[in-house]
């Protein structure tokens, strides 16, 4: 079922908005019928292009993992109670 927007909201920083209205795209990309017919996705291609440009400008920096704490994993025991169902007991 499709419905039309019924309600509007007002906020000081953005003004009036209607429900079911998403966000405007940062970059508009046209998708032609022949792109769809040939299985191409120009929106995805543009997104990948922008992401790779951003990674060139600011590469990912991994944190230093040498001094991370050594926390043991919790140990679980499966126990059955009187009605046959199981529950976990933490040691």
PDB file of N, CA and C in Angstrom:
ATOM      1  N   UNK A   1       0.849  -1.168   0.000  1.00  0.00           N
ATOM      2  CA  UNK A   1       0.000   0.000   0.000  1.00  0.00           C
ATOM      3  C   UNK A   1       0.896   1.232   0.000  1.00  0.00           C
ATOM      4  N   UNK A   2       0.559   2.199  -0.812  1.00  0.00           N
ATOM      5  CA  UNK A   2       1.300   3.453  -0.876  1.00  0.00           C
ATOM      6  C   UNK A   2       0.429   4.556  -0.309  1.00  0.00           C
ATOM      7  N   UNK A   3       1.021   5.400   0.518  1.00  0.00           N
ATOM      8  CA  UNK A   3       0.279   6.519   1.087  1.00  0.00           C
ATOM      9  C   UNK A   3       0.977   7.817   0.738  1.00  0.00           C
ATOM     10  N   UNK A   4       0.240   8.882   0.761  1.00  0.00           N
ATOM     11  CA  UNK A   4       0.847  10.177   0.513  1.00  0.00           C
ATOM     12  C   UNK A   4       1.163  10.844   1.849  1.00  0.00           C
ATOM     13  N   UNK A   5       2.133  11.750   1.876  1.00  0.00           N
ATOM     14  CA  UNK A   5       2.459  12.427   3.127  1.00  0.00           C
ATOM     15  C   UNK A   5       1.254  13.211   3.658  1.00  0.00           C
ATOM     16  N   UNK A   6       1.069  13.146   4.969  1.00  0.00           N
ATOM     17  CA  UNK A   6      -0.037  13.859   5.604  1.00  0.00           C
ATOM     18  C   UNK A   6       0.432  14.947   6.554  1.00  0.00           C
ATOM     19  N   UNK A   7       1.602  14.769   7.143  1.00  0.00           N
ATOM     20  CA  UNK A   7       2.025  15.644   8.223  1.00  0.00           C
ATOM     21  C   UNK A   7       3.262  16.440   7.837  1.00  0.00           C
ATOM     22  N   UNK A   8       3.350  17.637   8.349  1.00  0.00           N
ATOM     23  CA  UNK A   8       4.533  18.472   8.174  1.00  0.00           C
ATOM     24  C   UNK A   8       5.065  18.823   9.555  1.00  0.00           C
ATOM     25  N   UNK A   9       6.361  19.045   9.641  1.00  0.00           N
ATOM     26  CA  UNK A   9       6.989  19.436  10.897  1.00  0.00           C
ATOM     27  C   UNK A   9       7.784  20.711  10.668  1.00  0.00           C
ATOM     28  N   UNK A  10       8.001  21.450  11.729  1.00  0.00           N
ATOM     29  CA  UNK A  10       8.810  22.663  11.640  1.00  0.00           C
ATOM     30  C   UNK A  10       9.919  22.595  12.676  1.00  0.00           C
ATOM     31  N   UNK A  11      11.137  22.866  12.246  1.00  0.00           N
ATOM     32  CA  UNK A  11      12.285  22.963  13.148  1.00  0.00           C
ATOM     33  C   UNK A  11      13.044  24.230  12.797  1.00  0.00           C
ATOM     34  N   UNK A  12      13.581  24.910  13.800  1.00  0.00           N
ATOM     35  CA  UNK A  12      14.249  26.188  13.574  1.00  0.00           C
ATOM     36  C   UNK A  12      15.397  26.098  12.576  1.00  0.00           C
ATOM     37  N   UNK A  13      16.175  25.000  12.630  1.00  0.00           N
ATOM     38  CA  UNK A  13      17.363  24.917  11.776  1.00  0.00           C
ATOM     39  C   UNK A  13      17.068  24.504  10.340  1.00  0.00           C
ATOM     40  N   UNK A  14      15.968  23.801  10.074  1.00  0.00           N
ATOM     41  CA  UNK A  14      15.682  23.338   8.709  1.00  0.00           C
ATOM     42  C   UNK A  14      14.375  23.873   8.140  1.00  0.00           C
ATOM     43  N   UNK A  15      13.539  24.491   8.948  1.00  0.00           N
ATOM     44  CA  UNK A  15      12.263  25.021   8.470  1.00  0.00           C
ATOM     45  C   UNK A  15      11.212  23.932   8.367  1.00  0.00           C
ATOM     46  N   UNK A  16      10.282  24.110   7.444  1.00  0.00           N
ATOM     47  CA  UNK A  16       9.187  23.162   7.268  1.00  0.00           C
ATOM     48  C   UNK A  16       9.632  21.971   6.439  1.00  0.00           C
ATOM     49  N   UNK A  17       9.242  20.770   6.838  1.00  0.00           N
ATOM     50  CA  UNK A  17       9.526  19.533   6.102  1.00  0.00           C
ATOM     51  C   UNK A  17       8.267  18.672   6.113  1.00  0.00           C
ATOM     52  N   UNK A  18       8.113  17.874   5.085  1.00  0.00           N
ATOM     53  CA  UNK A  18       6.970  16.968   4.971  1.00  0.00           C
ATOM     54  C   UNK A  18       7.460  15.559   5.261  1.00  0.00           C
ATOM     55  N   UNK A  19       6.626  14.752   5.926  1.00  0.00           N
ATOM     56  CA  UNK A  19       7.011  13.373   6.222  1.00  0.00           C
ATOM     57  C   UNK A  19       7.277  12.601   4.926  1.00  0.00           C
ATOM     58  N   UNK A  20       8.038  11.545   5.041  1.00  0.00           N
ATOM     59  CA  UNK A  20       8.403  10.661   3.930  1.00  0.00           C
ATOM     60  C   UNK A  20       9.290  11.323   2.893  1.00  0.00           C
ATOM     61  N   UNK A  21       9.891  12.456   3.231  1.00  0.00           N
ATOM     62  CA  UNK A  21      10.834  13.092   2.325  1.00  0.00           C
ATOM     63  C   UNK A  21      12.219  12.762   2.837  1.00  0.00           C
ATOM     64  N   UNK A  22      13.015  12.111   2.027  1.00  0.00           N
ATOM     65  CA  UNK A  22      14.358  11.704   2.453  1.00  0.00           C
ATOM     66  C   UNK A  22      15.330  12.867   2.399  1.00  0.00           C
ATOM     67  N   UNK A  23      16.586  12.555   2.286  1.00  0.00           N
ATOM     68  CA  UNK A  23      17.599  13.593   2.183  1.00  0.00           C
ATOM     69  C   UNK A  23      17.959  13.816   0.722  1.00  0.00           C
ATOM     70  N   UNK A  24      18.356  15.022   0.414  1.00  0.00           N
ATOM     71  CA  UNK A  24      18.799  15.322  -0.948  1.00  0.00           C
ATOM     72  C   UNK A  24      20.183  14.719  -1.153  1.00  0.00           C
ATOM     73  N   UNK A  25      20.461  14.196  -2.343  1.00  0.00           N
ATOM     74  CA  UNK A  25      21.775  13.591  -2.587  1.00  0.00           C
ATOM     75  C   UNK A  25      22.877  14.646  -2.642  1.00  0.00           C
ATOM     76  N   UNK A  26      24.073  14.266  -2.216  1.00  0.00           N
ATOM     77  CA  UNK A  26      25.237  15.143  -2.333  1.00  0.00           C
ATOM     78  C   UNK A  26      25.659  15.258  -3.792  1.00  0.00           C
ATOM     79  N   UNK A  27      25.538  14.166  -4.523  1.00  0.00           N
ATOM     80  CA  UNK A  27      25.906  14.122  -5.939  1.00  0.00           C
ATOM     81  C   UNK A  27      24.747  13.490  -6.694  1.00  0.00           C
ATOM     82  N   UNK A  28      24.258  14.190  -7.703  1.00  0.00           N
ATOM     83  CA  UNK A  28      23.179  13.627  -8.515  1.00  0.00           C
ATOM     84  C   UNK A  28      23.775  12.893  -9.705  1.00  0.00           C
ATOM     85  N   UNK A  29      23.307  11.673  -9.931  1.00  0.00           N
ATOM     86  CA  UNK A  29      23.797  10.842 -11.029  1.00  0.00           C
ATOM     87  C   UNK A  29      22.589  10.380 -11.836  1.00  0.00           C
ATOM     88  N   UNK A  30      22.634  10.629 -13.130  1.00  0.00           N
ATOM     89  CA  UNK A  30      21.553  10.176 -14.000  1.00  0.00           C
ATOM     90  C   UNK A  30      21.720   8.692 -14.311  1.00  0.00           C
ATOM     91  N   UNK A  31      20.627   7.963 -14.237  1.00  0.00           N
ATOM     92  CA  UNK A  31      20.620   6.554 -14.609  1.00  0.00           C
ATOM     93  C   UNK A  31      19.751   6.433 -15.860  1.00  0.00           C
ATOM     94  N   UNK A  32      20.382   6.170 -16.986  1.00  0.00           N
ATOM     95  CA  UNK A  32      19.668   6.064 -18.256  1.00  0.00           C
ATOM     96  C   UNK A  32      19.056   4.668 -18.408  1.00  0.00           C
ATOM     97  N   UNK A  33      18.005   4.552 -19.187  1.00  0.00           N
ATOM     98  CA  UNK A  33      17.389   3.233 -19.398  1.00  0.00           C
ATOM     99  C   UNK A  33      18.382   2.197 -19.925  1.00  0.00           C
ATOM    100  N   UNK A  34      19.314   2.632 -20.800  1.00  0.00           N
ATOM    101  CA  UNK A  34      20.286   1.661 -21.335  1.00  0.00           C
ATOM    102  C   UNK A  34      21.252   1.172 -20.252  1.00  0.00           C
ATOM    103  N   UNK A  35      21.529   2.009 -19.229  1.00  0.00           N
ATOM    104  CA  UNK A  35      22.355   1.550 -18.100  1.00  0.00           C
ATOM    105  C   UNK A  35      21.645   0.406 -17.381  1.00  0.00           C
ATOM    106  N   UNK A  36      20.364   0.607 -17.114  1.00  0.00           N
ATOM    107  CA  UNK A  36      19.577  -0.426 -16.439  1.00  0.00           C
ATOM    108  C   UNK A  36      19.517  -1.695 -17.283  1.00  0.00           C
ATOM    109  N   UNK A  37      19.287  -1.530 -18.580  1.00  0.00           N
ATOM    110  CA  UNK A  37      19.163  -2.682 -19.474  1.00  0.00           C
ATOM    111  C   UNK A  37      20.459  -3.483 -19.558  1.00  0.00           C
ATOM    112  N   UNK A  38      21.600  -2.803 -19.452  1.00  0.00           N
ATOM    113  CA  UNK A  38      22.897  -3.478 -19.552  1.00  0.00           C
ATOM    114  C   UNK A  38      23.464  -3.876 -18.185  1.00  0.00           C
ATOM    115  N   UNK A  39      22.677  -3.664 -17.123  1.00  0.00           N
ATOM    116  CA  UNK A  39      23.119  -4.077 -15.789  1.00  0.00           C
ATOM    117  C   UNK A  39      24.161  -3.160 -15.176  1.00  0.00           C
ATOM    118  N   UNK A  40      24.290  -1.939 -15.698  1.00  0.00           N
ATOM    119  CA  UNK A  40      25.254  -0.988 -15.145  1.00  0.00           C
ATOM    120  C   UNK A  40      24.594  -0.189 -14.026  1.00  0.00           C
ATOM    121  N   UNK A  41      25.408   0.237 -13.065  1.00  0.00           N
ATOM    122  CA  UNK A  41      24.906   1.035 -11.952  1.00  0.00           C
ATOM    123  C   UNK A  41      25.762   2.294 -11.824  1.00  0.00           C
ATOM    124  N   UNK A  42      25.418   3.369 -12.553  1.00  0.00           N
ATOM    125  CA  UNK A  42      26.238   4.572 -12.515  1.00  0.00           C
ATOM    126  C   UNK A  42      26.301   5.223 -11.133  1.00  0.00           C
ATOM    127  N   UNK A  43      25.261   5.055 -10.325  1.00  0.00           N
ATOM    128  CA  UNK A  43      25.295   5.617  -8.972  1.00  0.00           C
ATOM    129  C   UNK A  43      26.359   4.918  -8.135  1.00  0.00           C
ATOM    130  N   UNK A  44      26.403   3.597  -8.217  1.00  0.00           N
ATOM    131  CA  UNK A  44      27.418   2.841  -7.482  1.00  0.00           C
ATOM    132  C   UNK A  44      28.814   3.167  -8.005  1.00  0.00           C
ATOM    133  N   UNK A  45      28.955   3.259  -9.331  1.00  0.00           N
ATOM    134  CA  UNK A  45      30.258   3.599  -9.913  1.00  0.00           C
ATOM    135  C   UNK A  45      30.742   4.954  -9.422  1.00  0.00           C
ATOM    136  N   UNK A  46      29.856   5.947  -9.357  1.00  0.00           N
ATOM    137  CA  UNK A  46      30.228   7.283  -8.884  1.00  0.00           C
ATOM    138  C   UNK A  46      30.574   7.242  -7.404  1.00  0.00           C
ATOM    139  N   UNK A  47      29.831   6.486  -6.620  1.00  0.00           N
ATOM    140  CA  UNK A  47      30.114   6.371  -5.186  1.00  0.00           C
ATOM    141  C   UNK A  47      31.495   5.760  -4.953  1.00  0.00           C
ATOM    142  N   UNK A  48      31.834   4.729  -5.712  1.00  0.00           N
ATOM    143  CA  UNK A  48      33.160   4.102  -5.587  1.00  0.00           C
ATOM    144  C   UNK A  48      34.246   5.086  -5.992  1.00  0.00           C
ATOM    145  N   UNK A  49      34.020   5.829  -7.066  1.00  0.00           N
ATOM    146  CA  UNK A  49      34.988   6.830  -7.517  1.00  0.00           C
ATOM    147  C   UNK A  49      35.234   7.881  -6.435  1.00  0.00           C
ATOM    148  N   UNK A  50      34.175   8.378  -5.826  1.00  0.00           N
ATOM    149  CA  UNK A  50      34.306   9.389  -4.771  1.00  0.00           C
ATOM    150  C   UNK A  50      35.005   8.811  -3.551  1.00  0.00           C
ATOM    151  N   UNK A  51      34.659   7.582  -3.171  1.00  0.00           N
ATOM    152  CA  UNK A  51      35.294   6.949  -2.005  1.00  0.00           C
ATOM    153  C   UNK A  51      36.788   6.760  -2.236  1.00  0.00           C
ATOM    154  N   UNK A  52      37.180   6.326  -3.432  1.00  0.00           N
ATOM    155  CA  UNK A  52      38.604   6.130  -3.722  1.00  0.00           C
ATOM    156  C   UNK A  52      39.357   7.462  -3.727  1.00  0.00           C
ATOM    157  N   UNK A  53      38.722   8.531  -4.231  1.00  0.00           N
ATOM    158  CA  UNK A  53      39.341   9.854  -4.179  1.00  0.00           C
ATOM    159  C   UNK A  53      39.560  10.291  -2.734  1.00  0.00           C
ATOM    160  N   UNK A  54      38.559  10.066  -1.888  1.00  0.00           N
ATOM    161  CA  UNK A  54      38.669  10.442  -0.479  1.00  0.00           C
ATOM    162  C   UNK A  54      39.759   9.640   0.226  1.00  0.00           C
ATOM    163  N   UNK A  55      39.886   8.358  -0.112  1.00  0.00           N
ATOM    164  CA  UNK A  55      40.938   7.530   0.486  1.00  0.00           C
ATOM    165  C   UNK A  55      42.322   7.987   0.060  1.00  0.00           C
ATOM    166  N   UNK A  56      42.466   8.500  -1.168  1.00  0.00           N
ATOM    167  CA  UNK A  56      43.759   9.032  -1.604  1.00  0.00           C
ATOM    168  C   UNK A  56      44.109  10.293  -0.818  1.00  0.00           C
ATOM    169  N   UNK A  57      43.095  11.135  -0.564  1.00  0.00           N
ATOM    170  CA  UNK A  57      43.321  12.373   0.184  1.00  0.00           C
ATOM    171  C   UNK A  57      43.631  12.088   1.649  1.00  0.00           C
ATOM    172  N   UNK A  58      42.932  11.142   2.224  1.00  0.00           N
ATOM    173  CA  UNK A  58      43.095  10.825   3.644  1.00  0.00           C
ATOM    174  C   UNK A  58      43.058   9.312   3.829  1.00  0.00           C
ATOM    175  N   UNK A  59      44.232   8.654   3.713  1.00  0.00           N
ATOM    176  CA  UNK A  59      44.265   7.193   3.858  1.00  0.00           C
ATOM    177  C   UNK A  59      43.843   6.748   5.265  1.00  0.00           C
ATOM    178  N   UNK A  60      43.402   5.513   5.337  1.00  0.00           N
ATOM    179  CA  UNK A  60      42.999   4.924   6.613  1.00  0.00           C
ATOM    180  C   UNK A  60      44.226   4.746   7.497  1.00  0.00           C
ATOM    181  N   UNK A  61      44.105   5.156   8.751  1.00  0.00           N
ATOM    182  CA  UNK A  61      45.186   4.960   9.718  1.00  0.00           C
ATOM    183  C   UNK A  61      44.723   3.934  10.741  1.00  0.00           C
ATOM    184  N   UNK A  62      45.427   2.822  10.807  1.00  0.00           N
ATOM    185  CA  UNK A  62      45.068   1.791  11.784  1.00  0.00           C
ATOM    186  C   UNK A  62      45.653   2.149  13.142  1.00  0.00           C
ATOM    187  N   UNK A  63      44.935   1.871  14.215  1.00  0.00           N
ATOM    188  CA  UNK A  63      45.468   2.140  15.554  1.00  0.00           C
ATOM    189  C   UNK A  63      46.591   1.166  15.902  1.00  0.00           C
ATOM    190  N   UNK A  64      47.336   1.517  16.927  1.00  0.00           N
ATOM    191  CA  UNK A  64      48.394   0.650  17.425  1.00  0.00           C
ATOM    192  C   UNK A  64      47.750  -0.413  18.323  1.00  0.00           C
ATOM    193  N   UNK A  65      47.833  -1.671  17.912  1.00  0.00           N
ATOM    194  CA  UNK A  65      47.183  -2.748  18.652  1.00  0.00           C
ATOM    195  C   UNK A  65      48.110  -3.434  19.656  1.00  0.00           C
ATOM    196  N   UNK A  66      49.359  -2.980  19.804  1.00  0.00           N
ATOM    197  CA  UNK A  66      50.310  -3.663  20.684  1.00  0.00           C
ATOM    198  C   UNK A  66      49.868  -3.682  22.143  1.00  0.00           C
ATOM    199  N   UNK A  67      49.334  -2.582  22.635  1.00  0.00           N
ATOM    200  CA  UNK A  67      49.042  -2.460  24.065  1.00  0.00           C
ATOM    201  C   UNK A  67      47.582  -2.712  24.422  1.00  0.00           C
ATOM    202  N   UNK A  68      46.878  -3.448  23.609  1.00  0.00           N
ATOM    203  CA  UNK A  68      45.479  -3.707  23.927  1.00  0.00           C
ATOM    204  C   UNK A  68      45.385  -4.714  25.077  1.00  0.00           C
ATOM    205  N   UNK A  69      44.340  -4.637  25.890  1.00  0.00           N
ATOM    206  CA  UNK A  69      44.215  -5.565  27.025  1.00  0.00           C
ATOM    207  C   UNK A  69      43.907  -6.981  26.541  1.00  0.00           C
ATOM    208  N   UNK A  70      44.377  -7.944  27.287  1.00  0.00           N
ATOM    209  CA  UNK A  70      44.110  -9.358  26.996  1.00  0.00           C
ATOM    210  C   UNK A  70      42.937  -9.796  27.875  1.00  0.00           C
ATOM    211  N   UNK A  71      41.740  -9.707  27.343  1.00  0.00           N
ATOM    212  CA  UNK A  71      40.547 -10.066  28.106  1.00  0.00           C
ATOM    213  C   UNK A  71      40.109 -11.467  27.723  1.00  0.00           C
ATOM    214  N   UNK A  72      39.932 -12.347  28.706  1.00  0.00           N
ATOM    215  CA  UNK A  72      39.499 -13.708  28.379  1.00  0.00           C
ATOM    216  C   UNK A  72      38.020 -13.724  27.972  1.00  0.00           C
ATOM    217  N   UNK A  73      37.667 -14.659  27.137  1.00  0.00           N
ATOM    218  CA  UNK A  73      36.273 -14.837  26.760  1.00  0.00           C
ATOM    219  C   UNK A  73      35.521 -15.502  27.911  1.00  0.00           C
ATOM    220  N   UNK A  74      34.242 -15.187  28.084  1.00  0.00           N
ATOM    221  CA  UNK A  74      33.477 -15.841  29.151  1.00  0.00           C
ATOM    222  C   UNK A  74      33.298 -17.326  28.851  1.00  0.00           C
ATOM    223  N   UNK A  75      33.216 -18.125  29.903  1.00  0.00           N
ATOM    224  CA  UNK A  75      33.025 -19.563  29.763  1.00  0.00           C
ATOM    225  C   UNK A  75      31.563 -19.881  30.067  1.00  0.00           C
ATOM    226  N   UNK A  76      30.925 -20.610  29.179  1.00  0.00           N
ATOM    227  CA  UNK A  76      29.523 -20.969  29.359  1.00  0.00           C
ATOM    228  C   UNK A  76      29.390 -22.475  29.530  1.00  0.00           C
ATOM    229  N   UNK A  77      28.455 -22.853  30.376  1.00  0.00           N
ATOM    230  CA  UNK A  77      28.069 -24.249  30.531  1.00  0.00           C
ATOM    231  C   UNK A  77      26.596 -24.344  30.166  1.00  0.00           C
ATOM    232  N   UNK A  78      26.234 -25.362  29.448  1.00  0.00           N
ATOM    233  CA  UNK A  78      24.824 -25.565  29.137  1.00  0.00           C
ATOM    234  C   UNK A  78      24.270 -26.531  30.180  1.00  0.00           C
ATOM    235  N   UNK A  79      23.248 -26.076  30.887  1.00  0.00           N
ATOM    236  CA  UNK A  79      22.640 -26.916  31.921  1.00  0.00           C
ATOM    237  C   UNK A  79      21.166 -27.114  31.582  1.00  0.00           C
ATOM    238  N   UNK A  80      20.650 -28.284  31.853  1.00  0.00           N
ATOM    239  CA  UNK A  80      19.233 -28.542  31.631  1.00  0.00           C
ATOM    240  C   UNK A  80      18.507 -28.469  32.959  1.00  0.00           C
ATOM    241  N   UNK A  81      17.372 -27.767  32.915  1.00  0.00           N
ATOM    242  CA  UNK A  81      16.576 -27.747  34.141  1.00  0.00           C
ATOM    243  C   UNK A  81      15.524 -28.852  34.074  1.00  0.00           C
ATOM    244  N   UNK A  82      14.649 -28.906  35.016  1.00  0.00           N
ATOM    245  CA  UNK A  82      13.713 -30.013  35.137  1.00  0.00           C
ATOM    246  C   UNK A  82      12.774 -30.195  33.960  1.00  0.00           C
ATOM    247  N   UNK A  83      12.457 -29.139  33.218  1.00  0.00           N
ATOM    248  CA  UNK A  83      11.491 -29.303  32.128  1.00  0.00           C
ATOM    249  C   UNK A  83      12.162 -29.596  30.786  1.00  0.00           C
ATOM    250  N   UNK A  84      13.475 -29.811  30.777  1.00  0.00           N
ATOM    251  CA  UNK A  84      14.175 -30.192  29.565  1.00  0.00           C
ATOM    252  C   UNK A  84      14.743 -29.033  28.763  1.00  0.00           C
ATOM    253  N   UNK A  85      14.390 -27.795  29.133  1.00  0.00           N
ATOM    254  CA  UNK A  85      14.963 -26.660  28.390  1.00  0.00           C
ATOM    255  C   UNK A  85      16.351 -26.340  28.948  1.00  0.00           C
ATOM    256  N   UNK A  86      17.176 -25.774  28.129  1.00  0.00           N
ATOM    257  CA  UNK A  86      18.561 -25.488  28.532  1.00  0.00           C
ATOM    258  C   UNK A  86      18.720 -24.001  28.780  1.00  0.00           C
ATOM    259  N   UNK A  87      19.642 -23.652  29.654  1.00  0.00           N
ATOM    260  CA  UNK A  87      20.025 -22.255  29.862  1.00  0.00           C
ATOM    261  C   UNK A  87      21.533 -22.211  30.111  1.00  0.00           C
ATOM    262  N   UNK A  88      22.120 -21.039  29.931  1.00  0.00           N
ATOM    263  CA  UNK A  88      23.572 -20.899  30.066  1.00  0.00           C
ATOM    264  C   UNK A  88      23.939 -20.439  31.466  1.00  0.00           C
ATOM    265  N   UNK A  89      24.925 -21.073  32.032  1.00  0.00           N
ATOM    266  CA  UNK A  89      25.476 -20.662  33.326  1.00  0.00           C
ATOM    267  C   UNK A  89      26.838 -20.049  33.087  1.00  0.00           C
ATOM    268  N   UNK A  90      27.077 -18.875  33.621  1.00  0.00           N
ATOM    269  CA  UNK A  90      28.373 -18.215  33.460  1.00  0.00           C
ATOM    270  C   UNK A  90      29.242 -18.548  34.674  1.00  0.00           C
ATOM    271  N   UNK A  91      30.495 -18.976  34.383  1.00  0.00           N
ATOM    272  CA  UNK A  91      31.426 -19.257  35.483  1.00  0.00           C
ATOM    273  C   UNK A  91      32.130 -17.988  35.903  1.00  0.00           C
TER     274      UNK A  91
END
